[in-house]
């Protein structure tokens, strides 16, 4: 079965969510965008493709919809503590938030819902960091 990989950051541009981004990071806007992603995945998978999408899916409404509407849905939750996210910060999100230049940052001024029933949980541990290769191997071993 063919596999298509989608990335939330790239899709944000495709759906025009990078325009007026100050308006597009509220809870309501993020749920709306996540539902567009989910419906796109549903459409693609209905045509016989396996869809792998990397997003920050932060809300139980979206998790629930995905479980109810996406065939063979598997959810992988990468649980990374805030201090590690701040350390990585490739887009300077936390620096801009701390400087008062950014609002609606997940885990700070925007509450998020951790998945309740993820199929795989990779809980970041400062002593043992999971590599992408390790996580991919563990997931494919259990498919």
N, C-alpha and C. Protein backbone atom coordinates (compact mmCIF):
# COMPACT_ATOMS: atom_id res chain seq x y z
N UNK A 1 0.85 -1.18 0.00
CA UNK A 1 0.00 0.00 0.00
C UNK A 1 0.89 1.24 0.00
N UNK A 2 0.64 2.17 -0.89
CA UNK A 2 1.44 3.41 -0.93
C UNK A 2 1.28 4.22 0.36
N UNK A 3 2.35 4.90 0.74
CA UNK A 3 2.35 5.73 1.95
C UNK A 3 2.61 7.17 1.56
N UNK A 4 1.83 8.07 2.13
CA UNK A 4 2.05 9.50 1.94
C UNK A 4 2.34 10.11 3.31
N UNK A 5 3.35 10.96 3.36
CA UNK A 5 3.73 11.64 4.60
C UNK A 5 3.35 13.10 4.51
N UNK A 6 2.68 13.58 5.54
CA UNK A 6 2.27 14.98 5.61
C UNK A 6 2.84 15.61 6.87
N UNK A 7 3.15 16.88 6.79
CA UNK A 7 3.72 17.61 7.92
C UNK A 7 2.83 18.80 8.24
N UNK A 8 2.49 18.93 9.52
CA UNK A 8 1.61 20.01 9.95
C UNK A 8 2.10 21.39 9.59
N UNK A 9 3.39 21.63 9.71
CA UNK A 9 3.93 22.95 9.38
C UNK A 9 3.73 23.27 7.90
N UNK A 10 3.95 22.28 7.04
CA UNK A 10 3.76 22.50 5.60
C UNK A 10 2.28 22.67 5.27
N UNK A 11 1.43 21.86 5.91
CA UNK A 11 0.00 21.96 5.65
C UNK A 11 -0.57 23.30 6.10
N UNK A 12 -0.01 23.86 7.14
CA UNK A 12 -0.47 25.17 7.61
C UNK A 12 -0.36 26.18 6.47
N UNK A 13 0.73 26.11 5.72
CA UNK A 13 0.89 27.00 4.57
C UNK A 13 -0.08 26.67 3.44
N UNK A 14 -0.30 25.40 3.19
CA UNK A 14 -1.23 24.97 2.14
C UNK A 14 -2.64 25.47 2.42
N UNK A 15 -3.06 25.40 3.69
CA UNK A 15 -4.40 25.83 4.07
C UNK A 15 -4.48 27.32 4.38
N UNK A 16 -3.39 28.05 4.17
CA UNK A 16 -3.42 29.49 4.36
C UNK A 16 -3.39 29.94 5.81
N UNK A 17 -3.02 29.05 6.71
CA UNK A 17 -3.05 29.40 8.13
C UNK A 17 -1.84 30.19 8.58
N UNK A 18 -0.87 30.38 7.70
CA UNK A 18 0.27 31.21 8.07
C UNK A 18 -0.05 32.68 7.85
N UNK A 19 -1.09 32.95 7.05
CA UNK A 19 -1.53 34.32 6.85
C UNK A 19 -2.26 34.78 8.11
N UNK A 20 -2.03 35.98 8.54
CA UNK A 20 -2.66 36.48 9.77
C UNK A 20 -2.49 35.49 10.92
N UNK A 21 -1.27 34.99 11.10
CA UNK A 21 -1.04 33.91 12.06
C UNK A 21 -1.44 34.28 13.49
N UNK A 22 -1.51 35.57 13.80
CA UNK A 22 -1.95 35.96 15.15
C UNK A 22 -3.38 35.49 15.40
N UNK A 23 -4.19 35.43 14.35
CA UNK A 23 -5.57 35.00 14.49
C UNK A 23 -5.70 33.47 14.42
N UNK A 24 -4.68 32.79 13.98
CA UNK A 24 -4.78 31.37 13.69
C UNK A 24 -4.21 30.45 14.75
N UNK A 25 -3.94 30.95 15.93
CA UNK A 25 -3.35 30.10 16.95
C UNK A 25 -4.24 29.95 18.19
N UNK A 26 -5.45 30.49 18.14
CA UNK A 26 -6.38 30.31 19.26
C UNK A 26 -6.84 28.86 19.28
N UNK A 27 -7.45 28.45 20.36
CA UNK A 27 -7.97 27.08 20.48
C UNK A 27 -8.94 26.76 19.33
N UNK A 28 -9.89 27.66 19.08
CA UNK A 28 -10.89 27.43 18.05
C UNK A 28 -10.25 27.32 16.67
N UNK A 29 -9.31 28.18 16.36
CA UNK A 29 -8.64 28.14 15.07
C UNK A 29 -7.82 26.88 14.90
N UNK A 30 -7.16 26.46 15.97
CA UNK A 30 -6.35 25.24 15.91
C UNK A 30 -7.22 24.00 15.74
N UNK A 31 -8.36 23.96 16.41
CA UNK A 31 -9.28 22.82 16.24
C UNK A 31 -9.79 22.78 14.81
N UNK A 32 -10.16 23.92 14.27
CA UNK A 32 -10.63 23.99 12.89
C UNK A 32 -9.57 23.48 11.92
N UNK A 33 -8.35 23.91 12.10
CA UNK A 33 -7.26 23.47 11.23
C UNK A 33 -7.00 21.97 11.40
N UNK A 34 -7.00 21.49 12.62
CA UNK A 34 -6.78 20.05 12.87
C UNK A 34 -7.87 19.22 12.20
N UNK A 35 -9.09 19.71 12.19
CA UNK A 35 -10.17 18.98 11.53
C UNK A 35 -9.98 18.97 10.02
N UNK A 36 -9.44 20.05 9.47
CA UNK A 36 -9.13 20.05 8.04
C UNK A 36 -8.07 18.99 7.74
N UNK A 37 -7.05 18.91 8.58
CA UNK A 37 -6.02 17.89 8.40
C UNK A 37 -6.64 16.50 8.45
N UNK A 38 -7.48 16.27 9.45
CA UNK A 38 -8.09 14.95 9.64
C UNK A 38 -8.96 14.58 8.44
N UNK A 39 -9.72 15.54 7.93
CA UNK A 39 -10.57 15.26 6.79
C UNK A 39 -9.75 15.01 5.52
N UNK A 40 -8.63 15.70 5.38
CA UNK A 40 -7.72 15.44 4.27
C UNK A 40 -7.17 14.01 4.37
N UNK A 41 -6.77 13.62 5.57
CA UNK A 41 -6.26 12.26 5.77
C UNK A 41 -7.33 11.23 5.46
N UNK A 42 -8.56 11.50 5.85
CA UNK A 42 -9.67 10.58 5.57
C UNK A 42 -9.86 10.44 4.06
N UNK A 43 -9.81 11.54 3.33
CA UNK A 43 -9.96 11.51 1.88
C UNK A 43 -8.85 10.70 1.22
N UNK A 44 -7.61 10.97 1.61
CA UNK A 44 -6.48 10.27 1.01
C UNK A 44 -6.53 8.78 1.33
N UNK A 45 -6.84 8.43 2.58
CA UNK A 45 -6.87 7.02 2.95
C UNK A 45 -8.03 6.29 2.28
N UNK A 46 -9.11 6.99 1.97
CA UNK A 46 -10.24 6.36 1.28
C UNK A 46 -9.87 5.95 -0.14
N UNK A 47 -8.75 6.48 -0.64
CA UNK A 47 -8.27 6.14 -1.98
C UNK A 47 -7.17 5.07 -1.94
N UNK A 48 -7.07 4.39 -0.78
CA UNK A 48 -6.17 3.25 -0.68
C UNK A 48 -4.75 3.59 -0.27
N UNK A 49 -4.54 4.75 0.26
CA UNK A 49 -3.19 5.13 0.69
C UNK A 49 -3.10 5.12 2.21
N UNK A 50 -1.91 4.84 2.71
CA UNK A 50 -1.63 4.97 4.13
C UNK A 50 -1.11 6.37 4.34
N UNK A 51 -1.66 7.07 5.32
CA UNK A 51 -1.27 8.45 5.59
C UNK A 51 -0.56 8.51 6.93
N UNK A 52 0.63 9.11 6.92
CA UNK A 52 1.37 9.40 8.14
C UNK A 52 1.44 10.92 8.23
N UNK A 53 0.92 11.47 9.31
CA UNK A 53 0.91 12.92 9.45
C UNK A 53 1.53 13.30 10.79
N UNK A 54 2.43 14.26 10.74
CA UNK A 54 3.10 14.77 11.94
C UNK A 54 2.49 16.11 12.28
N UNK A 55 1.75 16.14 13.40
CA UNK A 55 1.13 17.38 13.85
C UNK A 55 1.17 17.44 15.37
N UNK A 56 0.89 18.60 15.86
CA UNK A 56 0.66 18.76 17.29
C UNK A 56 -0.86 18.72 17.44
N UNK A 57 -1.37 17.56 17.76
CA UNK A 57 -2.82 17.38 17.90
C UNK A 57 -3.16 17.54 19.36
N UNK A 58 -3.68 18.69 19.71
CA UNK A 58 -3.74 19.08 21.11
C UNK A 58 -5.09 18.94 21.79
N UNK A 59 -6.10 18.49 21.09
CA UNK A 59 -7.43 18.59 21.67
C UNK A 59 -8.18 17.27 21.59
N UNK A 60 -8.87 16.94 22.67
CA UNK A 60 -9.60 15.67 22.74
C UNK A 60 -10.66 15.55 21.65
N UNK A 61 -11.27 16.66 21.24
CA UNK A 61 -12.27 16.61 20.18
C UNK A 61 -11.68 16.03 18.90
N UNK A 62 -10.46 16.41 18.60
CA UNK A 62 -9.79 15.94 17.39
C UNK A 62 -9.37 14.48 17.57
N UNK A 63 -8.80 14.14 18.72
CA UNK A 63 -8.42 12.74 18.97
C UNK A 63 -9.63 11.84 18.79
N UNK A 64 -10.77 12.23 19.36
CA UNK A 64 -12.00 11.44 19.31
C UNK A 64 -12.49 11.30 17.86
N UNK A 65 -12.51 12.42 17.12
CA UNK A 65 -12.97 12.38 15.73
C UNK A 65 -12.09 11.44 14.92
N UNK A 66 -10.79 11.55 15.11
CA UNK A 66 -9.88 10.69 14.36
C UNK A 66 -10.17 9.21 14.63
N UNK A 67 -10.33 8.85 15.89
CA UNK A 67 -10.61 7.45 16.25
C UNK A 67 -11.92 6.96 15.64
N UNK A 68 -12.91 7.84 15.59
CA UNK A 68 -14.23 7.45 15.09
C UNK A 68 -14.32 7.44 13.57
N UNK A 69 -13.45 8.18 12.89
CA UNK A 69 -13.63 8.38 11.45
C UNK A 69 -12.49 7.94 10.55
N UNK A 70 -11.34 7.64 11.12
CA UNK A 70 -10.20 7.25 10.28
C UNK A 70 -9.95 5.75 10.44
N UNK A 71 -10.03 5.04 9.34
CA UNK A 71 -9.79 3.61 9.33
C UNK A 71 -8.33 3.33 9.69
N UNK A 72 -8.12 2.33 10.53
CA UNK A 72 -6.77 1.93 10.94
C UNK A 72 -5.97 3.07 11.54
N UNK A 73 -6.64 3.93 12.27
CA UNK A 73 -5.99 5.08 12.91
C UNK A 73 -5.07 4.61 14.03
N UNK A 74 -3.84 5.10 14.02
CA UNK A 74 -2.88 4.84 15.08
C UNK A 74 -2.33 6.17 15.55
N UNK A 75 -2.30 6.36 16.84
CA UNK A 75 -1.87 7.63 17.41
C UNK A 75 -0.58 7.41 18.20
N UNK A 76 0.44 8.18 17.86
CA UNK A 76 1.72 8.13 18.56
C UNK A 76 1.87 9.45 19.31
N UNK A 77 2.08 9.37 20.61
CA UNK A 77 2.21 10.56 21.45
C UNK A 77 3.65 10.68 21.91
N UNK A 78 4.30 11.76 21.50
CA UNK A 78 5.65 12.07 21.96
C UNK A 78 5.50 13.06 23.10
N UNK A 79 5.70 12.57 24.30
CA UNK A 79 5.52 13.42 25.49
C UNK A 79 6.87 14.01 25.88
N UNK A 80 7.02 15.30 25.62
CA UNK A 80 8.28 15.98 25.87
C UNK A 80 8.03 17.10 26.87
N UNK A 81 8.81 17.14 27.96
CA UNK A 81 8.60 18.19 28.97
C UNK A 81 8.91 19.58 28.43
N UNK A 82 8.23 20.55 29.01
CA UNK A 82 8.37 21.95 28.59
C UNK A 82 9.83 22.41 28.61
N UNK A 83 10.58 22.02 29.61
CA UNK A 83 11.98 22.50 29.67
C UNK A 83 12.80 21.99 28.48
N UNK A 84 12.47 20.79 27.98
CA UNK A 84 13.17 20.27 26.80
C UNK A 84 12.69 20.98 25.54
N UNK A 85 11.41 21.28 25.45
CA UNK A 85 10.90 22.03 24.31
C UNK A 85 11.54 23.42 24.26
N UNK A 86 11.68 24.03 25.41
CA UNK A 86 12.33 25.35 25.48
C UNK A 86 13.80 25.26 25.05
N UNK A 87 14.45 24.17 25.43
CA UNK A 87 15.86 24.00 25.08
C UNK A 87 16.03 23.85 23.57
N UNK A 88 15.15 23.10 22.95
CA UNK A 88 15.25 22.86 21.50
C UNK A 88 14.85 24.11 20.72
N UNK A 89 13.64 24.55 20.85
CA UNK A 89 13.06 25.79 20.31
C UNK A 89 13.62 26.23 18.94
N UNK A 90 13.51 25.39 17.89
CA UNK A 90 14.09 25.74 16.60
C UNK A 90 13.46 26.96 15.93
N UNK A 91 12.22 27.27 16.29
CA UNK A 91 11.54 28.42 15.68
C UNK A 91 11.48 29.62 16.61
N UNK A 92 12.21 29.55 17.72
CA UNK A 92 12.22 30.63 18.72
C UNK A 92 10.83 30.94 19.27
N UNK A 93 9.98 29.94 19.33
CA UNK A 93 8.61 30.12 19.82
C UNK A 93 8.63 30.58 21.28
N UNK A 94 9.41 29.89 22.11
CA UNK A 94 9.42 30.20 23.54
C UNK A 94 10.13 31.51 23.82
N UNK A 95 11.16 31.80 23.05
CA UNK A 95 11.85 33.09 23.20
C UNK A 95 10.90 34.24 22.84
N UNK A 96 10.16 34.07 21.75
CA UNK A 96 9.21 35.11 21.35
C UNK A 96 8.07 35.24 22.36
N UNK A 97 7.64 34.12 22.92
CA UNK A 97 6.59 34.17 23.95
C UNK A 97 7.09 34.92 25.18
N UNK A 98 8.30 34.56 25.63
CA UNK A 98 8.87 35.20 26.82
C UNK A 98 9.06 36.70 26.61
N UNK A 99 9.31 37.11 25.36
CA UNK A 99 9.51 38.52 25.04
C UNK A 99 8.18 39.25 24.82
N UNK A 100 7.07 38.54 24.93
CA UNK A 100 5.77 39.16 24.74
C UNK A 100 5.38 39.36 23.29
N UNK A 101 6.08 38.71 22.37
CA UNK A 101 5.82 38.88 20.94
C UNK A 101 4.91 37.79 20.36
N UNK A 102 4.56 36.79 21.18
CA UNK A 102 3.78 35.67 20.68
C UNK A 102 2.79 35.23 21.76
N UNK A 103 1.59 34.89 21.32
CA UNK A 103 0.56 34.39 22.23
C UNK A 103 0.08 33.03 21.73
N UNK A 104 -0.73 32.39 22.54
CA UNK A 104 -1.32 31.08 22.22
C UNK A 104 -0.24 30.03 21.96
N UNK A 105 0.64 29.88 22.91
CA UNK A 105 1.70 28.87 22.81
C UNK A 105 1.25 27.64 23.61
N UNK A 106 1.24 26.50 22.93
CA UNK A 106 0.79 25.25 23.55
C UNK A 106 1.55 24.98 24.83
N UNK A 107 0.80 24.72 25.89
CA UNK A 107 1.40 24.40 27.18
C UNK A 107 1.73 25.60 28.03
N UNK A 108 1.62 26.80 27.47
CA UNK A 108 1.88 28.01 28.26
C UNK A 108 0.55 28.75 28.46
N UNK A 109 0.16 29.58 27.48
CA UNK A 109 -1.11 30.28 27.63
C UNK A 109 -2.23 29.62 26.82
N UNK A 110 -1.96 28.46 26.26
CA UNK A 110 -2.95 27.67 25.55
C UNK A 110 -2.94 26.27 26.14
N UNK A 111 -4.02 25.93 26.83
CA UNK A 111 -4.11 24.60 27.43
C UNK A 111 -4.27 23.54 26.35
N UNK A 112 -3.61 22.42 26.54
CA UNK A 112 -3.69 21.31 25.60
C UNK A 112 -4.19 20.06 26.32
N UNK A 113 -4.78 19.17 25.55
CA UNK A 113 -5.26 17.89 26.08
C UNK A 113 -4.30 16.80 25.64
N UNK A 114 -3.68 16.14 26.59
CA UNK A 114 -2.84 15.00 26.21
C UNK A 114 -3.77 13.88 25.76
N UNK A 115 -3.35 13.12 24.75
CA UNK A 115 -4.19 12.00 24.31
C UNK A 115 -4.45 11.04 25.46
N UNK A 116 -5.69 10.58 25.55
CA UNK A 116 -6.07 9.65 26.62
C UNK A 116 -5.84 8.20 26.22
N UNK A 117 -5.86 7.94 24.92
CA UNK A 117 -5.78 6.55 24.46
C UNK A 117 -4.79 6.37 23.31
N UNK A 118 -3.63 7.02 23.39
CA UNK A 118 -2.67 6.88 22.30
C UNK A 118 -2.24 5.42 22.18
N UNK A 119 -1.95 5.00 20.96
CA UNK A 119 -1.52 3.63 20.72
C UNK A 119 -0.08 3.41 21.18
N UNK A 120 0.72 4.46 21.04
CA UNK A 120 2.10 4.41 21.52
C UNK A 120 2.42 5.71 22.23
N UNK A 121 3.06 5.57 23.36
CA UNK A 121 3.51 6.72 24.13
C UNK A 121 5.02 6.63 24.25
N UNK A 122 5.70 7.66 23.77
CA UNK A 122 7.13 7.79 23.98
C UNK A 122 7.32 8.95 24.93
N UNK A 123 7.61 8.63 26.18
CA UNK A 123 7.74 9.63 27.23
C UNK A 123 9.21 10.02 27.32
N UNK A 124 9.50 11.27 26.98
CA UNK A 124 10.88 11.75 26.99
C UNK A 124 11.47 11.57 28.38
N UNK A 125 12.66 11.06 28.39
CA UNK A 125 13.38 10.83 29.64
C UNK A 125 14.77 11.42 29.44
N UNK A 126 15.20 12.27 30.35
CA UNK A 126 16.49 12.94 30.17
C UNK A 126 17.66 11.96 30.19
N UNK A 127 17.45 10.77 30.77
CA UNK A 127 18.50 9.75 30.78
C UNK A 127 18.50 8.92 29.51
N UNK A 128 17.33 8.72 28.92
CA UNK A 128 17.20 7.91 27.71
C UNK A 128 16.37 8.67 26.70
N UNK A 129 17.01 9.19 25.68
CA UNK A 129 16.30 9.92 24.66
C UNK A 129 16.02 8.99 23.48
N UNK A 130 14.78 8.99 23.02
CA UNK A 130 14.40 8.16 21.89
C UNK A 130 14.82 8.82 20.59
N UNK A 131 15.45 8.04 19.72
CA UNK A 131 15.76 8.55 18.39
C UNK A 131 14.58 8.28 17.47
N UNK A 132 14.52 8.99 16.37
CA UNK A 132 13.47 8.77 15.39
C UNK A 132 13.52 7.33 14.89
N UNK A 133 14.73 6.83 14.67
CA UNK A 133 14.91 5.46 14.18
C UNK A 133 14.36 4.45 15.18
N UNK A 134 14.64 4.65 16.46
CA UNK A 134 14.15 3.74 17.50
C UNK A 134 12.63 3.74 17.53
N UNK A 135 12.02 4.93 17.51
CA UNK A 135 10.56 5.01 17.58
C UNK A 135 9.93 4.37 16.34
N UNK A 136 10.48 4.64 15.17
CA UNK A 136 9.94 4.05 13.94
C UNK A 136 10.03 2.53 13.99
N UNK A 137 11.14 2.02 14.49
CA UNK A 137 11.31 0.56 14.60
C UNK A 137 10.27 -0.03 15.54
N UNK A 138 10.07 0.59 16.70
CA UNK A 138 9.11 0.08 17.67
C UNK A 138 7.69 0.10 17.10
N UNK A 139 7.36 1.14 16.40
CA UNK A 139 6.01 1.24 15.82
C UNK A 139 5.82 0.17 14.74
N UNK A 140 6.76 0.05 13.83
CA UNK A 140 6.59 -0.92 12.73
C UNK A 140 6.65 -2.36 13.24
N UNK A 141 7.38 -2.63 14.31
CA UNK A 141 7.40 -3.96 14.89
C UNK A 141 6.03 -4.36 15.41
N UNK A 142 5.24 -3.41 15.83
CA UNK A 142 3.95 -3.69 16.43
C UNK A 142 2.76 -3.52 15.50
N UNK A 143 3.02 -3.21 14.24
CA UNK A 143 1.89 -3.05 13.30
C UNK A 143 1.31 -4.40 12.94
